[in-house]
Amino acid sequence: MAAVLHIEELPTPVPAPDEVLVEVHAASINPSDVKNVQGKMKQTTLPRTPGRDLTGIIVAGNGDMIGEQIWAAGGDIGFTRDGSHAEYILIPGRGVRPKPKSLSMVEAASVGINYITAFFGLIEKAKLREGETVLVTGANGGVGSSVVKIAKSKGARVIAVDRQVLEPEKARRLQIDLSLSSQSNDIVNRVKQFTQELALS
């Protein structure tokens, strides 16, 4: 995999009217980046700078945004648009958001696509409320574990399902209420039993 990567000096890109130029301060490496470099992401056009998640400072483009600390992730970044593993990146102005002040550049870049996906599905779409119960499939994966953490931060109960029951220490650390294996547990009946017990308590 590493054999296909190389460092190259490129001219600083110039933003189109709908783009901003971001000086990259931090970028993460997530599983889709690795698959992309391995040639497993068929939508990628080559040659291409990889990387999907980043934080940085807008240095050109929309005059009102110059100097803003931003974060961005996903979309066509790293696939059909050069990615975040570079000093500078062009991003559509609509694709950047102010970086949360409570997070450092490195922390915000590490949040990336997993937490954004989890937040969008759980909070924006499902409208999770305190006291509700969430069943998370693939709870040990990147998006799944992000869903678990966000759900617990919102005061929800979490049923975690993965191929194997989560290790007790990890389940305790994540405050998971019930951990199940998709390979060895009767998921439907265990979930019914758990939710019925909650209704009676």
Protein backbone atom coordinates (compact mmCIF):
# COMPACT_ATOMS: atom_id res chain seq x y z
CA MET A 1 0.00 0.00 0.00
CA ALA A 2 2.68 2.53 1.02
CA ALA A 3 4.49 1.90 -2.28
CA VAL A 4 1.82 3.84 -4.19
CA LEU A 5 2.24 6.93 -1.99
CA HIS A 6 4.80 9.66 -2.57
CA ILE A 7 5.44 13.24 -1.50
CA GLU A 8 5.06 15.83 -4.22
CA GLU A 9 5.40 19.61 -4.41
CA LEU A 10 2.34 21.17 -6.03
CA PRO A 11 1.36 24.79 -6.66
CA THR A 12 -0.93 26.30 -4.04
CA PRO A 13 -4.46 25.81 -5.45
CA VAL A 14 -6.61 28.81 -6.35
CA PRO A 15 -10.24 28.74 -5.17
CA ALA A 16 -13.14 28.99 -7.60
CA PRO A 17 -15.95 31.45 -6.69
CA ASP A 18 -17.79 28.80 -4.65
CA GLU A 19 -14.66 27.45 -2.89
CA VAL A 20 -12.38 28.37 0.00
CA LEU A 21 -8.67 27.62 0.34
CA VAL A 22 -7.85 26.03 3.70
CA GLU A 23 -4.41 25.82 5.27
CA VAL A 24 -4.53 22.35 6.84
CA HIS A 25 -3.48 22.23 10.50
CA ALA A 26 -4.51 18.64 11.29
CA ALA A 27 -5.87 15.67 9.33
CA SER A 28 -6.82 12.19 10.45
CA ILE A 29 -6.50 8.83 8.73
CA ASN A 30 -9.69 6.80 8.77
CA PRO A 31 -10.50 3.36 7.30
CA SER A 32 -11.87 4.83 4.07
CA ASP A 33 -8.53 6.59 3.49
CA VAL A 34 -6.70 3.26 3.81
CA LYS A 35 -9.15 1.52 1.46
CA ASN A 36 -8.82 4.41 -0.97
CA VAL A 37 -5.03 4.06 -1.15
CA GLN A 38 -5.47 0.29 -1.58
CA GLY A 39 -7.59 0.98 -4.68
CA LYS A 40 -10.83 -0.29 -3.11
CA MET A 41 -12.83 2.92 -3.55
CA LYS A 42 -13.94 2.69 -7.17
CA GLN A 43 -15.28 6.25 -7.32
CA THR A 44 -11.78 7.71 -6.85
CA THR A 45 -10.22 9.49 -9.81
CA LEU A 46 -6.41 9.36 -10.04
CA PRO A 47 -3.96 10.83 -9.37
CA ARG A 48 -5.41 11.96 -6.05
CA THR A 49 -4.23 13.31 -2.68
CA PRO A 50 -5.96 11.17 -0.01
CA GLY A 51 -7.55 12.25 3.26
CA ARG A 52 -11.14 13.06 4.20
CA ASP A 53 -11.11 14.73 7.65
CA LEU A 54 -9.36 17.97 8.57
CA THR A 55 -9.16 21.17 10.52
CA GLY A 56 -7.50 24.35 9.39
CA ILE A 57 -7.74 28.07 8.70
CA ILE A 58 -9.38 29.63 5.66
CA VAL A 59 -6.74 31.71 3.86
CA ALA A 60 -8.49 32.60 0.58
CA GLY A 61 -11.92 32.56 -1.04
CA ASN A 62 -14.96 33.96 0.74
CA GLY A 63 -13.70 37.23 2.23
CA ASP A 64 -16.02 36.99 5.23
CA MET A 65 -14.51 33.63 6.23
CA ILE A 66 -10.79 34.38 5.87
CA GLY A 67 -9.00 33.68 9.14
CA GLU A 68 -11.77 31.36 10.43
CA GLN A 69 -10.78 28.09 12.09
CA ILE A 70 -12.88 25.38 10.42
CA TRP A 71 -13.36 21.65 10.23
CA ALA A 72 -14.59 19.56 7.34
CA ALA A 73 -15.05 15.90 6.43
CA GLY A 74 -16.44 13.55 3.82
CA GLY A 75 -18.18 14.37 0.59
CA ASP A 76 -15.90 14.08 -2.44
CA ILE A 77 -12.78 15.02 -0.45
CA GLY A 78 -10.03 12.51 -1.25
CA PHE A 79 -12.08 10.79 -3.96
CA THR A 80 -12.73 13.19 -6.84
CA ARG A 81 -11.29 16.26 -5.07
CA ASP A 82 -7.78 16.32 -3.60
CA GLY A 83 -7.85 15.42 0.08
CA SER A 84 -6.61 16.65 3.42
CA HIS A 85 -3.16 15.02 3.51
CA ALA A 86 -1.64 18.21 2.13
CA GLU A 87 -0.64 21.70 3.26
CA TYR A 88 -3.60 23.31 1.47
CA ILE A 89 -6.99 22.04 0.30
CA LEU A 90 -9.83 23.52 -1.74
CA ILE A 91 -13.29 22.91 -0.28
CA PRO A 92 -16.74 24.18 -1.34
CA GLY A 93 -17.67 27.04 0.98
CA ARG A 94 -20.86 25.19 1.98
CA GLY A 95 -18.75 22.20 3.12
CA VAL A 96 -16.89 23.90 5.98
CA ARG A 97 -18.09 24.66 9.49
CA PRO A 98 -16.56 26.67 12.35
CA LYS A 99 -14.37 24.45 14.52
CA PRO A 100 -15.86 23.98 18.00
CA LYS A 101 -13.89 26.22 20.37
CA SER A 102 -13.79 23.46 22.98
CA LEU A 103 -11.72 21.22 20.68
CA SER A 104 -8.09 21.63 19.62
CA MET A 105 -7.22 21.36 15.93
CA VAL A 106 -6.02 17.78 16.44
CA GLU A 107 -9.10 16.77 18.44
CA ALA A 108 -11.49 18.25 15.88
CA ALA A 109 -9.70 16.56 12.96
CA SER A 110 -9.92 13.25 14.83
CA VAL A 111 -13.70 13.48 15.22
CA GLY A 112 -14.17 13.20 11.50
CA ILE A 113 -16.70 11.27 9.51
CA ASN A 114 -17.55 8.73 12.23
CA TYR A 115 -18.97 11.26 14.68
CA ILE A 116 -20.53 13.41 11.99
CA THR A 117 -22.38 10.37 10.59
CA ALA A 118 -23.40 9.25 14.08
CA PHE A 119 -24.60 12.71 15.09
CA PHE A 120 -26.55 13.24 11.87
CA GLY A 121 -28.36 9.91 12.13
CA LEU A 122 -28.98 9.89 15.88
CA ILE A 123 -29.63 13.54 16.68
CA GLU A 124 -30.56 15.27 13.42
CA LYS A 125 -32.72 12.48 11.95
CA ALA A 126 -33.84 10.23 14.84
CA LYS A 127 -34.22 13.17 17.29
CA LEU A 128 -32.95 11.05 20.21
CA ARG A 129 -34.28 12.14 23.60
CA GLU A 130 -33.09 11.46 27.13
CA GLY A 131 -34.38 8.17 28.54
CA GLU A 132 -34.92 6.49 25.16
CA THR A 133 -33.32 3.16 24.28
CA VAL A 134 -31.02 2.82 21.27
CA LEU A 135 -29.95 -0.44 19.63
CA VAL A 136 -26.57 0.04 17.95
CA THR A 137 -25.43 -2.54 15.40
CA GLY A 138 -21.71 -2.69 14.70
CA ALA A 139 -21.16 -1.08 18.10
CA ASN A 140 -17.45 -1.89 18.10
CA GLY A 141 -16.82 -0.09 14.77
CA GLY A 142 -16.00 3.54 14.13
CA VAL A 143 -19.52 4.86 13.50
CA GLY A 144 -21.13 2.40 15.93
CA SER A 145 -18.90 3.34 18.86
CA SER A 146 -19.52 7.03 18.04
CA VAL A 147 -23.29 6.39 18.19
CA VAL A 148 -22.84 4.71 21.58
CA LYS A 149 -20.89 7.66 23.02
CA ILE A 150 -23.30 10.29 21.69
CA ALA A 151 -26.34 8.31 22.91
CA LYS A 152 -24.90 7.99 26.42
CA SER A 153 -24.01 11.69 26.49
CA LYS A 154 -27.70 12.40 25.77
CA GLY A 155 -28.89 10.18 28.63
CA ALA A 156 -30.12 7.27 26.51
CA ARG A 157 -29.89 3.54 27.25
CA VAL A 158 -27.74 1.59 24.81
CA ILE A 159 -28.04 -1.98 23.55
CA ALA A 160 -24.78 -2.75 21.73
CA VAL A 161 -24.74 -5.46 19.07
CA ASP A 162 -21.60 -6.70 17.33
CA ARG A 163 -20.19 -10.02 16.15
CA GLN A 164 -18.85 -10.65 19.65
CA VAL A 165 -20.13 -9.41 22.99
CA LEU A 166 -18.04 -6.38 23.94
CA GLU A 167 -15.36 -7.01 26.55
CA PRO A 168 -16.80 -6.25 30.01
CA GLU A 169 -14.23 -3.51 30.69
CA LYS A 170 -15.04 -1.73 27.43
CA ALA A 171 -18.80 -2.12 27.97
CA ARG A 172 -18.41 -0.62 31.45
CA ARG A 173 -16.27 2.24 30.16
CA LEU A 174 -18.83 3.09 27.48
CA GLN A 175 -21.71 2.63 29.98
CA ILE A 176 -23.43 0.13 27.69
CA ASP A 177 -26.62 -1.22 29.24
CA LEU A 178 -26.74 -4.50 27.31
CA SER A 179 -24.10 -6.05 25.06
CA LEU A 180 -25.11 -8.79 22.60
CA SER A 181 -23.43 -10.94 19.97
CA SER A 182 -25.05 -11.14 16.55
CA GLN A 183 -23.55 -14.62 16.19
CA SER A 184 -24.49 -16.26 19.48
CA ASN A 185 -27.41 -14.34 21.01
CA ASP A 186 -31.13 -14.39 20.16
CA ILE A 187 -31.20 -10.65 19.51
CA VAL A 188 -34.97 -10.26 19.13
CA ASN A 189 -35.90 -12.06 22.35
CA ARG A 190 -33.06 -10.54 24.39
CA VAL A 191 -34.08 -7.04 23.31
CA LYS A 192 -37.76 -7.74 24.05
CA GLN A 193 -36.86 -9.05 27.49
CA PHE A 194 -34.62 -6.05 28.22
CA THR A 195 -37.20 -3.46 27.13
CA GLN A 196 -40.02 -5.25 28.98
CA GLU A 197 -37.96 -5.19 32.17
CA LEU A 198 -37.38 -1.46 31.65
CA ALA A 199 -41.12 -0.88 31.25
CA LEU A 200 -41.81 -2.70 34.52
CA SER A 201 -39.11 -0.94 36.53
